[in-house]
N, C-alpha and C. Protein backbone atom coordinates (compact mmCIF):
# COMPACT_ATOMS: atom_id res chain seq x y z
N UNK A 1 160.55 149.48 42.45
CA UNK A 1 159.48 148.73 43.96
C UNK A 1 158.17 148.87 43.53
N UNK A 2 157.24 147.97 42.87
CA UNK A 2 156.11 148.24 42.55
C UNK A 2 154.58 148.00 43.26
N UNK A 3 153.71 148.25 43.14
CA UNK A 3 152.59 148.41 44.01
C UNK A 3 151.86 147.56 43.51
N UNK A 4 151.25 146.79 44.31
CA UNK A 4 150.05 145.51 44.34
C UNK A 4 149.02 145.93 44.96
N UNK A 5 147.76 145.72 43.96
CA UNK A 5 146.31 146.24 44.72
C UNK A 5 145.24 144.82 44.21
N UNK A 6 145.43 144.64 45.49
CA UNK A 6 144.24 142.81 46.11
C UNK A 6 143.11 143.72 46.40
N UNK A 7 142.15 142.88 45.87
CA UNK A 7 140.74 143.16 46.24
C UNK A 7 140.34 142.48 47.77
N UNK A 8 139.38 142.62 48.83
CA UNK A 8 139.22 141.72 50.10
C UNK A 8 138.81 140.03 49.86
N UNK A 9 138.27 140.11 48.64
CA UNK A 9 137.86 138.54 48.22
C UNK A 9 139.12 137.46 48.69
N UNK A 10 140.67 138.44 47.76
CA UNK A 10 141.63 137.53 47.03
C UNK A 10 142.38 137.48 48.95
N UNK A 11 142.36 138.05 50.23
CA UNK A 11 142.61 138.31 51.08
C UNK A 11 141.76 137.44 52.27
N UNK A 12 140.45 137.12 51.54
CA UNK A 12 139.90 136.24 52.58
C UNK A 12 140.00 135.26 52.46
N UNK A 13 140.06 134.49 50.52
CA UNK A 13 140.78 133.49 50.88
C UNK A 13 141.74 132.54 51.07
N UNK A 14 142.64 133.76 51.15
CA UNK A 14 143.95 132.94 51.88
C UNK A 14 143.67 132.83 53.04
N UNK A 15 143.30 133.57 54.01
CA UNK A 15 143.19 134.00 54.94
C UNK A 15 142.14 132.38 55.54
N UNK A 16 141.25 132.08 55.06
CA UNK A 16 140.51 131.01 55.17
C UNK A 16 140.79 129.51 55.07
N UNK A 17 142.03 129.97 54.04
CA UNK A 17 142.24 128.05 53.58
C UNK A 17 143.89 128.36 54.25
N UNK A 18 143.14 127.73 56.11
CA UNK A 18 143.84 127.90 57.46
C UNK A 18 145.46 126.80 56.64
N UNK A 19 145.59 126.09 55.72
CA UNK A 19 146.52 124.63 56.25
C UNK A 19 147.63 126.22 55.17
N UNK A 20 146.78 127.04 54.62
CA UNK A 20 148.15 127.74 53.75
C UNK A 20 148.73 128.87 54.29
N UNK A 21 147.40 129.50 54.67
CA UNK A 21 147.64 130.94 55.39
C UNK A 21 148.99 130.19 56.46
N UNK A 22 148.67 128.92 57.55
CA UNK A 22 149.52 128.83 58.82
C UNK A 22 150.83 128.64 58.25
N UNK A 23 150.85 127.89 56.86
CA UNK A 23 151.74 127.76 55.78
C UNK A 23 153.12 128.64 55.55
N UNK A 24 152.24 129.49 55.02
CA UNK A 24 152.77 131.31 54.87
C UNK A 24 153.29 131.60 56.34
N UNK A 25 152.67 131.92 56.90
CA UNK A 25 152.93 132.20 58.54
C UNK A 25 154.37 131.44 59.05
N UNK A 26 154.18 130.34 59.36
CA UNK A 26 155.65 129.59 60.05
C UNK A 26 156.59 129.92 58.23
N UNK A 27 156.48 129.80 57.55
CA UNK A 27 157.58 130.49 57.33
C UNK A 27 158.18 131.93 56.81
N UNK A 28 156.98 132.43 57.09
CA UNK A 28 157.64 134.05 57.04
C UNK A 28 158.04 133.80 58.23
N UNK A 29 157.56 133.62 59.75
CA UNK A 29 158.48 133.51 60.86
C UNK A 29 159.91 133.02 60.88
N UNK A 30 159.59 132.06 60.45
CA UNK A 30 161.03 131.16 60.18
C UNK A 30 161.98 131.65 59.78
N UNK A 31 161.99 133.09 58.39
CA UNK A 31 162.38 133.48 57.82
C UNK A 31 162.82 134.93 59.01
N UNK A 32 162.13 135.60 59.05
CA UNK A 32 162.36 136.75 60.14
C UNK A 32 163.38 136.20 61.33
N UNK A 33 163.07 134.68 62.10
CA UNK A 33 163.86 133.97 63.42
C UNK A 33 165.14 134.34 62.75
N UNK A 34 166.40 135.11 62.88
CA UNK A 34 167.80 134.94 62.13
C UNK A 34 167.92 133.99 63.23
N UNK A 35 168.02 133.84 64.59
CA UNK A 35 168.72 132.77 65.23
C UNK A 35 168.74 131.44 65.17
N UNK A 36 167.43 131.49 65.22
CA UNK A 36 166.11 130.16 65.18
C UNK A 36 165.81 129.53 66.63
N UNK A 37 165.90 131.24 67.30
CA UNK A 37 165.33 130.68 69.06
C UNK A 37 163.66 130.63 69.07
N UNK A 38 162.79 130.63 68.06
CA UNK A 38 161.65 130.87 68.50
C UNK A 38 161.02 132.32 68.80
N UNK A 39 162.27 133.41 68.76
CA UNK A 39 161.75 134.92 69.30
C UNK A 39 161.51 135.29 68.80
N UNK A 40 160.98 136.16 68.12
CA UNK A 40 161.72 137.36 67.14
C UNK A 40 162.21 138.86 67.83
N UNK A 41 163.40 139.04 68.26
CA UNK A 41 163.83 139.53 69.38
C UNK A 41 163.68 141.43 68.65
N UNK A 42 163.86 142.36 69.21
CA UNK A 42 163.56 143.67 68.67
C UNK A 42 164.58 143.68 67.31
N UNK A 43 166.12 143.36 67.51
CA UNK A 43 167.01 143.47 66.17
C UNK A 43 166.26 142.40 64.85
N UNK A 44 166.06 141.32 65.16
CA UNK A 44 165.51 140.82 64.21
C UNK A 44 163.85 141.88 63.44
N UNK A 45 163.10 142.10 64.39
CA UNK A 45 162.34 142.69 63.49
C UNK A 45 162.69 143.85 63.01
N UNK A 46 163.60 144.20 63.59
CA UNK A 46 164.09 145.74 62.97
C UNK A 46 165.09 145.39 61.53
N UNK A 47 165.49 144.64 61.58
CA UNK A 47 166.17 143.99 59.91
C UNK A 47 165.00 143.94 59.36
N UNK A 48 164.11 142.96 59.74
CA UNK A 48 162.30 142.78 58.80
C UNK A 48 161.99 144.35 58.21
N UNK A 49 161.86 144.60 59.30
CA UNK A 49 161.58 146.19 59.08
C UNK A 49 162.31 146.85 57.33
N UNK A 50 163.51 147.38 57.89
CA UNK A 50 164.41 147.52 56.73
C UNK A 50 164.29 146.70 55.51
N UNK A 51 164.84 145.36 55.72
CA UNK A 51 164.12 145.31 54.91
C UNK A 51 162.95 144.70 53.82
N UNK A 52 162.41 145.49 54.24
CA UNK A 52 160.92 145.24 53.92
C UNK A 52 160.77 147.23 53.40
N UNK A 53 160.93 148.10 53.93
CA UNK A 53 161.08 149.42 54.07
C UNK A 53 159.53 149.68 54.09
N UNK A 54 159.35 149.02 55.08
CA UNK A 54 157.87 149.57 55.75
C UNK A 54 158.08 151.10 56.49
N UNK A 55 158.67 151.60 56.62
CA UNK A 55 159.00 153.19 57.23
C UNK A 55 159.37 153.79 56.09
N UNK A 56 160.59 153.20 55.13
CA UNK A 56 160.75 154.43 54.20
C UNK A 56 159.80 154.62 53.28
N UNK A 57 158.94 154.04 53.06
CA UNK A 57 158.00 154.04 51.86
C UNK A 57 156.87 154.41 52.37
N UNK A 58 156.10 154.53 51.10
CA UNK A 58 154.52 155.30 51.31
C UNK A 58 153.98 155.09 50.29
N UNK A 59 153.04 153.77 50.15
CA UNK A 59 152.28 153.01 48.89
C UNK A 59 153.36 152.45 47.67
N UNK A 60 154.95 152.45 48.17
CA UNK A 60 155.63 151.75 46.50
C UNK A 60 156.73 153.63 46.56
N UNK A 61 156.47 154.68 47.02
CA UNK A 61 156.55 156.09 46.49
C UNK A 61 158.08 156.42 47.34
N UNK A 62 158.75 156.15 47.82
CA UNK A 62 160.16 156.04 48.30
C UNK A 62 159.91 157.58 49.46
N UNK A 63 159.73 158.19 50.61
CA UNK A 63 159.70 158.88 51.43
C UNK A 63 161.39 159.20 52.48
N UNK A 64 161.39 160.27 52.78
CA UNK A 64 162.71 160.57 52.89
C UNK A 64 162.50 160.74 54.98
N UNK A 65 163.32 159.97 55.17
CA UNK A 65 162.76 159.74 56.49
C UNK A 65 164.53 159.97 57.74
N UNK A 66 164.28 160.38 58.53
CA UNK A 66 165.37 161.09 58.68
C UNK A 66 166.25 159.66 60.00
N UNK A 67 167.08 159.13 59.85
CA UNK A 67 167.60 158.24 59.98
C UNK A 67 167.57 158.22 61.35
N UNK A 68 167.49 159.40 62.60
CA UNK A 68 167.51 159.62 63.71
C UNK A 68 165.82 159.32 64.43
N UNK A 69 165.17 159.35 63.05
CA UNK A 69 163.73 159.32 63.63
C UNK A 69 163.55 157.67 62.94
N UNK A 70 163.91 157.06 62.23
CA UNK A 70 164.24 155.18 62.05
C UNK A 70 164.36 154.58 63.42
N UNK A 71 165.76 155.16 63.85
CA UNK A 71 165.82 154.51 65.08
C UNK A 71 164.55 155.00 66.44
N UNK A 72 164.61 156.12 66.16
CA UNK A 72 163.74 156.14 66.86
C UNK A 72 162.10 155.47 67.51
N UNK A 73 161.88 155.05 66.04
CA UNK A 73 160.28 154.64 65.91
C UNK A 73 160.79 153.00 65.54
N UNK A 74 162.03 152.36 65.37
CA UNK A 74 162.21 150.81 65.49
C UNK A 74 162.74 150.63 67.41
N UNK A 75 163.35 151.49 67.67
CA UNK A 75 162.90 150.96 69.47
C UNK A 75 162.07 152.28 70.86
N UNK A 76 160.82 152.56 69.71
CA UNK A 76 159.93 152.76 70.46
C UNK A 76 159.35 151.51 71.24
N UNK A 77 159.46 150.16 71.22
CA UNK A 77 159.05 149.42 72.37
C UNK A 77 159.58 149.13 72.93
N UNK A 78 160.81 149.51 73.35
CA UNK A 78 161.67 150.07 74.35
C UNK A 78 160.80 150.40 76.26
N UNK A 79 160.24 151.25 75.21
CA UNK A 79 159.17 151.85 76.53
C UNK A 79 158.43 151.66 77.12
């Protein structure tokens, strides 16, 4: 996995292009909404986090996170 660094002007340009930004958000949401009910469930969010490895990497470098700790983090919104 590589790390891509972008500057603030690139992000601002993307966000300011409302049509492209909305299209991107809608496409990503549709991809995450596995059962197509228009709502992201905890399990769909967890699968998304797992697929993007948001909690298992740090700036593109793998880190070791115990499975029970990952479960605790993924399920934290229940409390």
